[in-house]
Amino acid sequence: MEKKIRITLVKSTIGQKQPVRATVRSLGLGKLHSVVEHSASPAILGMVRAVSHLVETEELD
């Protein structure tokens, strides 16, 4: 069974560069405090690392 992570957008993308905003949108996050759950694949973890200054993550069992 693969691990899942919960990602929450905690800072606004206003003032961020376009690639950062596109990464946040591709994770499925729109408005502030929106939450999504994804499997912890290398692609998703890389995107989370790129926007780590804007999001909070937690592992799910």
N, C-alpha and C. Protein backbone atom coordinates (compact mmCIF):
# COMPACT_ATOMS: atom_id res chain seq x y z
N MET A 1 0.85 -1.18 0.00
CA MET A 1 0.00 0.00 0.00
C MET A 1 0.89 1.24 0.00
N GLU A 2 0.61 2.16 -0.91
CA GLU A 2 1.45 3.34 -0.99
C GLU A 2 1.01 4.40 0.01
N LYS A 3 1.97 5.20 0.45
CA LYS A 3 1.68 6.24 1.43
C LYS A 3 0.97 7.39 0.76
N LYS A 4 0.21 8.10 1.56
CA LYS A 4 -0.48 9.29 1.09
C LYS A 4 -0.01 10.48 1.91
N ILE A 5 -0.08 11.65 1.30
CA ILE A 5 0.24 12.88 2.01
C ILE A 5 -0.90 13.87 1.84
N ARG A 6 -1.11 14.68 2.86
CA ARG A 6 -2.11 15.75 2.81
C ARG A 6 -1.35 17.05 2.67
N ILE A 7 -1.73 17.85 1.68
CA ILE A 7 -1.04 19.10 1.37
C ILE A 7 -2.03 20.24 1.58
N THR A 8 -1.61 21.26 2.35
CA THR A 8 -2.45 22.41 2.64
C THR A 8 -1.72 23.68 2.19
N LEU A 9 -2.41 24.52 1.44
CA LEU A 9 -1.84 25.81 1.01
C LEU A 9 -1.99 26.80 2.16
N VAL A 10 -0.87 27.26 2.71
CA VAL A 10 -0.93 28.15 3.87
C VAL A 10 -0.45 29.57 3.57
N LYS A 11 0.18 29.79 2.43
CA LYS A 11 0.61 31.13 2.04
C LYS A 11 0.12 31.40 0.62
N SER A 12 -0.15 32.64 0.35
CA SER A 12 -0.68 33.04 -0.95
C SER A 12 0.38 32.96 -2.04
N THR A 13 -0.09 32.75 -3.27
CA THR A 13 0.82 32.72 -4.41
C THR A 13 0.98 34.10 -5.05
N ILE A 14 0.34 35.11 -4.46
CA ILE A 14 0.49 36.47 -4.98
C ILE A 14 1.94 36.89 -4.81
N GLY A 15 2.53 37.41 -5.86
CA GLY A 15 3.92 37.84 -5.83
C GLY A 15 4.91 36.75 -6.17
N GLN A 16 4.44 35.52 -6.35
CA GLN A 16 5.32 34.41 -6.72
C GLN A 16 5.50 34.38 -8.24
N LYS A 17 6.56 33.77 -8.69
CA LYS A 17 6.80 33.65 -10.12
C LYS A 17 5.84 32.63 -10.74
N GLN A 18 5.66 32.74 -12.03
CA GLN A 18 4.69 31.90 -12.74
C GLN A 18 4.93 30.40 -12.55
N PRO A 19 6.17 29.88 -12.62
CA PRO A 19 6.35 28.43 -12.42
C PRO A 19 5.91 27.95 -11.03
N VAL A 20 6.10 28.77 -10.02
CA VAL A 20 5.66 28.41 -8.67
C VAL A 20 4.14 28.36 -8.61
N ARG A 21 3.48 29.35 -9.20
CA ARG A 21 2.02 29.38 -9.21
C ARG A 21 1.46 28.20 -10.00
N ALA A 22 2.12 27.84 -11.09
CA ALA A 22 1.67 26.70 -11.89
C ALA A 22 1.83 25.39 -11.13
N THR A 23 2.88 25.27 -10.35
CA THR A 23 3.09 24.06 -9.55
C THR A 23 2.00 23.92 -8.49
N VAL A 24 1.65 25.02 -7.84
CA VAL A 24 0.59 24.99 -6.83
C VAL A 24 -0.73 24.58 -7.48
N ARG A 25 -1.02 25.13 -8.64
CA ARG A 25 -2.27 24.78 -9.34
C ARG A 25 -2.26 23.32 -9.78
N SER A 26 -1.12 22.82 -10.23
CA SER A 26 -1.05 21.44 -10.70
C SER A 26 -1.18 20.44 -9.55
N LEU A 27 -0.87 20.87 -8.33
CA LEU A 27 -1.11 20.03 -7.16
C LEU A 27 -2.59 19.98 -6.81
N GLY A 28 -3.38 20.85 -7.40
CA GLY A 28 -4.81 20.88 -7.12
C GLY A 28 -5.22 21.88 -6.07
N LEU A 29 -4.30 22.77 -5.73
CA LEU A 29 -4.57 23.78 -4.70
C LEU A 29 -4.98 25.09 -5.37
N GLY A 30 -6.04 25.68 -4.89
CA GLY A 30 -6.51 26.92 -5.48
C GLY A 30 -6.46 28.05 -4.47
N LYS A 31 -7.45 28.06 -3.60
CA LYS A 31 -7.55 29.12 -2.62
C LYS A 31 -6.71 28.81 -1.39
N LEU A 32 -6.48 29.83 -0.61
CA LEU A 32 -5.75 29.70 0.63
C LEU A 32 -6.46 28.71 1.56
N HIS A 33 -5.70 27.87 2.23
CA HIS A 33 -6.19 26.85 3.16
C HIS A 33 -6.93 25.71 2.46
N SER A 34 -6.77 25.57 1.15
CA SER A 34 -7.34 24.42 0.47
C SER A 34 -6.45 23.21 0.75
N VAL A 35 -7.08 22.03 0.78
CA VAL A 35 -6.40 20.80 1.17
C VAL A 35 -6.63 19.75 0.10
N VAL A 36 -5.57 19.02 -0.27
CA VAL A 36 -5.67 17.89 -1.19
C VAL A 36 -4.87 16.73 -0.62
N GLU A 37 -5.23 15.53 -1.05
CA GLU A 37 -4.49 14.33 -0.67
C GLU A 37 -3.96 13.68 -1.94
N HIS A 38 -2.68 13.32 -1.92
CA HIS A 38 -2.03 12.68 -3.06
C HIS A 38 -1.23 11.49 -2.56
N SER A 39 -0.97 10.56 -3.47
CA SER A 39 -0.04 9.49 -3.12
C SER A 39 1.37 10.09 -3.09
N ALA A 40 2.24 9.51 -2.29
CA ALA A 40 3.58 10.06 -2.10
C ALA A 40 4.53 9.56 -3.18
N SER A 41 4.24 9.87 -4.42
CA SER A 41 5.10 9.46 -5.53
C SER A 41 6.25 10.45 -5.67
N PRO A 42 7.33 10.06 -6.32
CA PRO A 42 8.47 10.98 -6.48
C PRO A 42 8.09 12.28 -7.19
N ALA A 43 7.18 12.22 -8.15
CA ALA A 43 6.78 13.44 -8.87
C ALA A 43 6.06 14.41 -7.94
N ILE A 44 5.14 13.90 -7.15
CA ILE A 44 4.40 14.75 -6.22
C ILE A 44 5.33 15.31 -5.15
N LEU A 45 6.22 14.47 -4.62
CA LEU A 45 7.16 14.95 -3.60
C LEU A 45 8.09 16.02 -4.14
N GLY A 46 8.47 15.92 -5.39
CA GLY A 46 9.30 16.95 -6.01
C GLY A 46 8.57 18.26 -6.16
N MET A 47 7.29 18.19 -6.54
CA MET A 47 6.50 19.42 -6.64
C MET A 47 6.30 20.05 -5.28
N VAL A 48 6.06 19.23 -4.25
CA VAL A 48 5.90 19.76 -2.90
C VAL A 48 7.18 20.42 -2.43
N ARG A 49 8.32 19.83 -2.73
CA ARG A 49 9.60 20.41 -2.34
C ARG A 49 9.81 21.77 -3.02
N ALA A 50 9.34 21.91 -4.26
CA ALA A 50 9.53 23.16 -4.99
C ALA A 50 8.69 24.30 -4.41
N VAL A 51 7.58 23.97 -3.77
CA VAL A 51 6.71 25.00 -3.20
C VAL A 51 6.59 24.86 -1.69
N SER A 52 7.62 24.30 -1.07
CA SER A 52 7.56 24.02 0.37
C SER A 52 7.40 25.28 1.22
N HIS A 53 7.77 26.42 0.69
CA HIS A 53 7.62 27.68 1.43
C HIS A 53 6.18 28.17 1.45
N LEU A 54 5.29 27.53 0.67
CA LEU A 54 3.89 27.94 0.61
C LEU A 54 2.93 26.91 1.18
N VAL A 55 3.38 25.68 1.38
CA VAL A 55 2.48 24.61 1.79
C VAL A 55 2.96 23.93 3.07
N GLU A 56 2.02 23.25 3.72
CA GLU A 56 2.33 22.36 4.83
C GLU A 56 1.89 20.96 4.42
N THR A 57 2.67 19.96 4.82
CA THR A 57 2.34 18.58 4.48
C THR A 57 2.29 17.73 5.74
N GLU A 58 1.52 16.66 5.64
CA GLU A 58 1.52 15.67 6.70
C GLU A 58 1.27 14.30 6.08
N GLU A 59 1.92 13.29 6.65
CA GLU A 59 1.75 11.93 6.16
C GLU A 59 0.49 11.33 6.73
N LEU A 60 -0.17 10.53 5.90
CA LEU A 60 -1.37 9.82 6.33
C LEU A 60 -1.06 8.33 6.38
N ASP A 61 -1.73 7.62 7.24
CA ASP A 61 -1.51 6.18 7.35
C ASP A 61 -2.37 5.41 6.37
